[in-house]
Structures are given as C-alpha cells and as structure tokens.
C-alpha cells in the first residue's frame, strides 16, 4: 500500500533586504513520502530566496516535467523555474528552454560538488541559468527545524540568510556557483 503525503502548514515570513521584498506567505506543502525533512526545508528556503507574489510550489517529485517551484506570468509562461538537487544535463537544457530564468539549488556536500564538476562546462552556454549551492551542514541544520505546523522566518541581507523556527535559528550563506547573465 502506498504511503500518503504528509501535509505541512507553513507561515513563511520573508524579509529580503537585498531585493526589498517583505511578505508573509501561508503555504500548505505536501511532503512526498520519499522526501526527507532536509529536502522539504531546502524547498521552503528556495521559495523564500525567490519569493514573489506569483511564486508557487508545484507537484515536484510527483512529476518529471515540472520544477519544484515556479513563477508563471499572467499569460501562463514560466518566468522562473526553481529546481532542487542534482538534475541531469538534459533536464537543465529542457528547463532553460521552457523558462526565462532557471535557478538550481544543489545540496548534499561532496555529491553536489562532483555533480557540478560534471555539468559545469555543458551549462556555461545557458545565460539564464543560476546555480546556488547550499552547504551540507546548513541543510542538515535546517532539517532539524522541520515540523508539521511552522512559523518560519527567513531574513536575507547581503547574501547571508537567517532562518528561524520558534527559538531555533540557522545561519547560512548560499554559494553562487553560476550566476545568470
């Protein structure tokens, strides 16, 4: 018998001083049975780092032709494609063809570094691609904050990020491996 997704209720307050974006998002997030707490929290962090009034979670792990998060225009074109993990060169190419901007958040320490060494040269031609690594110790610390009903605060300033849930705080600095442009 297949397991059901767990539902997480998240009140995400984003204070992004770098982009001058200050908003609270009430999210209902389905955690796929194969998704870890670490991946869930990385997904929420990626949402905060790209927060916009039209940004939304997708079916994610349930479907191959959608990113984890996207922002669509009013004419239903994909403006921002946000993917987590270590997508193949083929998936990167396809996502760059479908969207005006693509952001990939690899995580997993050495595994992510090996992946990047493998795909770096083949992705150089994609001007709209951004790759932002999240350190393994940071994502592991984020995973410990996960709970089914969260008031999550994300504060961003000068590229540094502070994530808080209740009295617990994690500080991290995402590392840009490839900048769009």
C-alpha atoms as a PDB file:
ATOM      1  CA  UNK A   1       0.000   0.000   0.000  1.00  0.00           C
ATOM      2  CA  UNK A   2       1.354   3.411  -0.982  1.00  0.00           C
ATOM      3  CA  UNK A   3       2.027   5.967   1.689  1.00  0.00           C
ATOM      4  CA  UNK A   4       0.238   9.293   1.573  1.00  0.00           C
ATOM      5  CA  UNK A   5       1.963  12.657   1.508  1.00  0.00           C
ATOM      6  CA  UNK A   6       2.237  14.479   4.814  1.00  0.00           C
ATOM      7  CA  UNK A   7       0.725  17.959   4.867  1.00  0.00           C
ATOM      8  CA  UNK A   8       2.724  20.803   6.386  1.00  0.00           C
ATOM      9  CA  UNK A   9       1.143  24.161   7.240  1.00  0.00           C
ATOM     10  CA  UNK A  10       3.766  26.867   6.945  1.00  0.00           C
ATOM     11  CA  UNK A  11       3.556  30.552   7.657  1.00  0.00           C
ATOM     12  CA  UNK A  12       6.644  31.845   5.839  1.00  0.00           C
ATOM     13  CA  UNK A  13       7.700  35.412   6.613  1.00  0.00           C
ATOM     14  CA  UNK A  14      10.298  36.682   4.161  1.00  0.00           C
ATOM     15  CA  UNK A  15      12.392  39.794   4.827  1.00  0.00           C
ATOM     16  CA  UNK A  16      14.677  40.082   1.808  1.00  0.00           C
ATOM     17  CA  UNK A  17      16.646  43.288   2.198  1.00  0.00           C
ATOM     18  CA  UNK A  18      18.673  42.522  -0.947  1.00  0.00           C
ATOM     19  CA  UNK A  19      15.552  42.561  -3.166  1.00  0.00           C
ATOM     20  CA  UNK A  20      13.378  44.790  -0.942  1.00  0.00           C
ATOM     21  CA  UNK A  21      10.748  42.072  -0.627  1.00  0.00           C
ATOM     22  CA  UNK A  22       8.830  41.789   2.655  1.00  0.00           C
ATOM     23  CA  UNK A  23       5.853  39.474   2.731  1.00  0.00           C
ATOM     24  CA  UNK A  24       4.246  36.608   4.625  1.00  0.00           C
ATOM     25  CA  UNK A  25       3.121  33.554   2.664  1.00  0.00           C
ATOM     26  CA  UNK A  26       0.705  30.996   4.083  1.00  0.00           C
ATOM     27  CA  UNK A  27       1.676  27.715   2.433  1.00  0.00           C
ATOM     28  CA  UNK A  28       0.181  24.258   2.538  1.00  0.00           C
ATOM     29  CA  UNK A  29       3.009  21.969   1.493  1.00  0.00           C
ATOM     30  CA  UNK A  30       2.663  18.289   0.670  1.00  0.00           C
ATOM     31  CA  UNK A  31       5.735  16.293   1.659  1.00  0.00           C
ATOM     32  CA  UNK A  32       6.070  13.367  -0.735  1.00  0.00           C
ATOM     33  CA  UNK A  33       6.616  10.003   1.063  1.00  0.00           C
ATOM     34  CA  UNK A  34      10.131   9.778  -0.422  1.00  0.00           C
ATOM     35  CA  UNK A  35      11.032  13.371   0.506  1.00  0.00           C
ATOM     36  CA  UNK A  36      13.292  13.952   3.503  1.00  0.00           C
ATOM     37  CA  UNK A  37      12.936  16.751   6.046  1.00  0.00           C
ATOM     38  CA  UNK A  38      16.150  18.174   4.595  1.00  0.00           C
ATOM     39  CA  UNK A  39      14.690  18.402   1.090  1.00  0.00           C
ATOM     40  CA  UNK A  40      11.441  19.885   2.390  1.00  0.00           C
ATOM     41  CA  UNK A  41      13.323  22.625   4.232  1.00  0.00           C
ATOM     42  CA  UNK A  42      15.544  23.286   1.194  1.00  0.00           C
ATOM     43  CA  UNK A  43      12.351  23.663  -0.837  1.00  0.00           C
ATOM     44  CA  UNK A  44      10.984  26.197   1.640  1.00  0.00           C
ATOM     45  CA  UNK A  45      14.309  28.050   1.676  1.00  0.00           C
ATOM     46  CA  UNK A  46      14.379  28.133  -2.142  1.00  0.00           C
ATOM     47  CA  UNK A  47      10.845  29.521  -2.072  1.00  0.00           C
ATOM     48  CA  UNK A  48      11.960  32.283   0.309  1.00  0.00           C
ATOM     49  CA  UNK A  49      15.063  33.113  -1.741  1.00  0.00           C
ATOM     50  CA  UNK A  50      12.892  33.601  -4.842  1.00  0.00           C
ATOM     51  CA  UNK A  51       9.751  34.867  -3.112  1.00  0.00           C
ATOM     52  CA  UNK A  52       7.265  36.714  -5.298  1.00  0.00           C
ATOM     53  CA  UNK A  53       3.503  37.102  -5.209  1.00  0.00           C
ATOM     54  CA  UNK A  54       3.145  34.701  -8.176  1.00  0.00           C
ATOM     55  CA  UNK A  55       5.680  32.093  -6.983  1.00  0.00           C
ATOM     56  CA  UNK A  56       4.143  28.705  -6.174  1.00  0.00           C
ATOM     57  CA  UNK A  57       5.037  25.159  -5.244  1.00  0.00           C
ATOM     58  CA  UNK A  58       4.384  22.549  -7.925  1.00  0.00           C
ATOM     59  CA  UNK A  59       3.749  18.815  -7.741  1.00  0.00           C
ATOM     60  CA  UNK A  60       7.544  18.477  -7.506  1.00  0.00           C
ATOM     61  CA  UNK A  61       8.636  14.875  -7.006  1.00  0.00           C
ATOM     62  CA  UNK A  62       5.303  13.636  -8.358  1.00  0.00           C
ATOM     63  CA  UNK A  63       6.019  14.798 -11.907  1.00  0.00           C
ATOM     64  CA  UNK A  64       9.060  14.899 -14.168  1.00  0.00           C
ATOM     65  CA  UNK A  65       8.171  17.863 -16.377  1.00  0.00           C
ATOM     66  CA  UNK A  66       7.726  20.471 -13.631  1.00  0.00           C
ATOM     67  CA  UNK A  67      10.234  22.101 -11.322  1.00  0.00           C
ATOM     68  CA  UNK A  68       9.856  22.115  -7.551  1.00  0.00           C
ATOM     69  CA  UNK A  69       8.798  25.767  -7.605  1.00  0.00           C
ATOM     70  CA  UNK A  70       7.803  28.089 -10.404  1.00  0.00           C
ATOM     71  CA  UNK A  71       6.603  31.559 -11.138  1.00  0.00           C
ATOM     72  CA  UNK A  72       4.293  31.973 -14.100  1.00  0.00           C
ATOM     73  CA  UNK A  73       3.302  35.110 -15.944  1.00  0.00           C
ATOM     74  CA  UNK A  74      -0.308  36.153 -16.354  1.00  0.00           C
ATOM     75  CA  UNK A  75      -0.170  34.604 -19.846  1.00  0.00           C
ATOM     76  CA  UNK A  76       0.876  31.256 -18.253  1.00  0.00           C
ATOM     77  CA  UNK A  77       4.508  31.362 -19.428  1.00  0.00           C
ATOM     78  CA  UNK A  78       7.134  30.199 -16.955  1.00  0.00           C
ATOM     79  CA  UNK A  79       9.145  33.193 -15.732  1.00  0.00           C
ATOM     80  CA  UNK A  80      11.163  31.392 -13.028  1.00  0.00           C
ATOM     81  CA  UNK A  81      11.956  27.670 -12.800  1.00  0.00           C
ATOM     82  CA  UNK A  82      13.408  26.577  -9.435  1.00  0.00           C
ATOM     83  CA  UNK A  83      14.826  23.061  -9.124  1.00  0.00           C
ATOM     84  CA  UNK A  84      16.429  21.298  -6.170  1.00  0.00           C
ATOM     85  CA  UNK A  85      19.103  18.667  -6.113  1.00  0.00           C
ATOM     86  CA  UNK A  86      21.260  17.421  -8.941  1.00  0.00           C
ATOM     87  CA  UNK A  87      19.368  17.476 -12.256  1.00  0.00           C
ATOM     88  CA  UNK A  88      20.822  15.884 -15.377  1.00  0.00           C
ATOM     89  CA  UNK A  89      22.242  17.960 -18.227  1.00  0.00           C
ATOM     90  CA  UNK A  90      19.157  17.052 -20.254  1.00  0.00           C
ATOM     91  CA  UNK A  91      16.775  18.372 -17.555  1.00  0.00           C
ATOM     92  CA  UNK A  92      18.828  21.573 -17.236  1.00  0.00           C
ATOM     93  CA  UNK A  93      18.702  22.136 -21.005  1.00  0.00           C
ATOM     94  CA  UNK A  94      14.952  21.477 -21.140  1.00  0.00           C
ATOM     95  CA  UNK A  95      14.231  23.796 -18.221  1.00  0.00           C
ATOM     96  CA  UNK A  96      16.326  26.576 -19.786  1.00  0.00           C
ATOM     97  CA  UNK A  97      14.271  26.179 -22.967  1.00  0.00           C
ATOM     98  CA  UNK A  98      10.985  26.434 -21.029  1.00  0.00           C
ATOM     99  CA  UNK A  99      11.696  29.379 -18.729  1.00  0.00           C
ATOM    100  CA  UNK A 100      13.023  32.928 -18.731  1.00  0.00           C
ATOM    101  CA  UNK A 101      15.133  32.199 -15.613  1.00  0.00           C
ATOM    102  CA  UNK A 102      16.291  28.916 -14.075  1.00  0.00           C
ATOM    103  CA  UNK A 103      17.696  28.537 -10.558  1.00  0.00           C
ATOM    104  CA  UNK A 104      19.090  25.237  -9.309  1.00  0.00           C
ATOM    105  CA  UNK A 105      19.834  24.640  -5.629  1.00  0.00           C
ATOM    106  CA  UNK A 106      22.170  21.651  -5.322  1.00  0.00           C
ATOM    107  CA  UNK A 107      22.864  20.315  -1.848  1.00  0.00           C
ATOM    108  CA  UNK A 108      24.485  17.245  -0.386  1.00  0.00           C
ATOM    109  CA  UNK A 109      28.115  18.246   0.111  1.00  0.00           C
ATOM    110  CA  UNK A 110      30.660  16.254  -1.879  1.00  0.00           C
ATOM    111  CA  UNK A 111      27.949  14.691  -4.070  1.00  0.00           C
ATOM    112  CA  UNK A 112      26.857  18.164  -5.187  1.00  0.00           C
ATOM    113  CA  UNK A 113      30.459  19.159  -5.897  1.00  0.00           C
ATOM    114  CA  UNK A 114      31.003  16.057  -8.054  1.00  0.00           C
ATOM    115  CA  UNK A 115      27.738  16.785  -9.921  1.00  0.00           C
ATOM    116  CA  UNK A 116      28.801  20.389 -10.568  1.00  0.00           C
ATOM    117  CA  UNK A 117      32.232  19.340 -11.839  1.00  0.00           C
ATOM    118  CA  UNK A 118      30.449  17.031 -14.285  1.00  0.00           C
ATOM    119  CA  UNK A 119      27.855  19.523 -15.643  1.00  0.00           C
ATOM    120  CA  UNK A 120      29.670  22.862 -15.297  1.00  0.00           C
ATOM    121  CA  UNK A 121      31.160  23.067 -18.786  1.00  0.00           C
ATOM    122  CA  UNK A 122      27.971  21.925 -20.540  1.00  0.00           C
ATOM    123  CA  UNK A 123      25.882  24.540 -18.703  1.00  0.00           C
ATOM    124  CA  UNK A 124      28.165  27.508 -19.423  1.00  0.00           C
ATOM    125  CA  UNK A 125      26.139  28.385 -22.541  1.00  0.00           C
ATOM    126  CA  UNK A 126      22.914  28.936 -20.587  1.00  0.00           C
ATOM    127  CA  UNK A 127      22.828  32.647 -19.743  1.00  0.00           C
ATOM    128  CA  UNK A 128      19.559  32.331 -17.852  1.00  0.00           C
ATOM    129  CA  UNK A 129      20.861  29.585 -15.525  1.00  0.00           C
ATOM    130  CA  UNK A 130      21.855  30.271 -11.938  1.00  0.00           C
ATOM    131  CA  UNK A 131      23.318  27.569  -9.659  1.00  0.00           C
ATOM    132  CA  UNK A 132      23.395  28.247  -5.914  1.00  0.00           C
ATOM    133  CA  UNK A 133      24.901  25.608  -3.627  1.00  0.00           C
ATOM    134  CA  UNK A 134      23.701  25.014  -0.098  1.00  0.00           C
ATOM    135  CA  UNK A 135      26.306  23.591   2.283  1.00  0.00           C
ATOM    136  CA  UNK A 136      25.609  20.155   3.727  1.00  0.00           C
ATOM    137  CA  UNK A 137      25.941  21.245   7.371  1.00  0.00           C
ATOM    138  CA  UNK A 138      23.472  24.100   6.706  1.00  0.00           C
ATOM    139  CA  UNK A 139      20.811  21.894   5.123  1.00  0.00           C
ATOM    140  CA  UNK A 140      21.236  19.289   7.877  1.00  0.00           C
ATOM    141  CA  UNK A 141      20.642  22.039  10.458  1.00  0.00           C
ATOM    142  CA  UNK A 142      17.554  23.190   8.535  1.00  0.00           C
ATOM    143  CA  UNK A 143      16.176  19.631   8.560  1.00  0.00           C
ATOM    144  CA  UNK A 144      16.155  19.686  12.367  1.00  0.00           C
ATOM    145  CA  UNK A 145      13.765  22.683  12.282  1.00  0.00           C
ATOM    146  CA  UNK A 146      11.065  20.866  10.293  1.00  0.00           C
ATOM    147  CA  UNK A 147       7.677  20.340  11.875  1.00  0.00           C
ATOM    148  CA  UNK A 148       4.121  19.995  10.582  1.00  0.00           C
ATOM    149  CA  UNK A 149       2.996  23.472  11.674  1.00  0.00           C
ATOM    150  CA  UNK A 150       5.761  26.041  11.269  1.00  0.00           C
ATOM    151  CA  UNK A 151       6.125  29.762  11.602  1.00  0.00           C
ATOM    152  CA  UNK A 152       9.248  30.110   9.513  1.00  0.00           C
ATOM    153  CA  UNK A 153      11.125  33.402   9.319  1.00  0.00           C
ATOM    154  CA  UNK A 154      13.696  33.957   6.591  1.00  0.00           C
ATOM    155  CA  UNK A 155      15.817  37.106   6.695  1.00  0.00           C
ATOM    156  CA  UNK A 156      18.157  37.829   3.790  1.00  0.00           C
ATOM    157  CA  UNK A 157      20.797  40.555   3.766  1.00  0.00           C
ATOM    158  CA  UNK A 158      23.992  40.872   1.711  1.00  0.00           C
ATOM    159  CA  UNK A 159      23.634  37.262   0.552  1.00  0.00           C
ATOM    160  CA  UNK A 160      23.521  35.910   4.102  1.00  0.00           C
ATOM    161  CA  UNK A 161      20.413  34.086   5.263  1.00  0.00           C
ATOM    162  CA  UNK A 162      18.965  33.609   8.733  1.00  0.00           C
ATOM    163  CA  UNK A 163      16.213  31.012   9.089  1.00  0.00           C
ATOM    164  CA  UNK A 164      14.233  30.834  12.316  1.00  0.00           C
ATOM    165  CA  UNK A 165      11.552  28.478  13.601  1.00  0.00           C
ATOM    166  CA  UNK A 166      10.376  29.262  17.136  1.00  0.00           C
ATOM    167  CA  UNK A 167      13.553  29.747  19.210  1.00  0.00           C
ATOM    168  CA  UNK A 168      15.863  27.895  16.806  1.00  0.00           C
ATOM    169  CA  UNK A 169      17.972  29.785  14.281  1.00  0.00           C
ATOM    170  CA  UNK A 170      20.179  28.610  11.404  1.00  0.00           C
ATOM    171  CA  UNK A 171      22.583  30.982   9.639  1.00  0.00           C
ATOM    172  CA  UNK A 172      23.745  30.145   6.148  1.00  0.00           C
ATOM    173  CA  UNK A 173      25.451  31.721   3.157  1.00  0.00           C
ATOM    174  CA  UNK A 174      24.385  30.193  -0.155  1.00  0.00           C
ATOM    175  CA  UNK A 175      27.351  29.917  -2.509  1.00  0.00           C
ATOM    176  CA  UNK A 176      26.772  31.003  -6.123  1.00  0.00           C
ATOM    177  CA  UNK A 177      28.440  28.524  -8.474  1.00  0.00           C
ATOM    178  CA  UNK A 178      26.994  30.070 -11.623  1.00  0.00           C
ATOM    179  CA  UNK A 179      25.412  33.478 -11.958  1.00  0.00           C
ATOM    180  CA  UNK A 180      22.757  34.211 -14.582  1.00  0.00           C
ATOM    181  CA  UNK A 181      23.697  36.792 -17.118  1.00  0.00           C
END
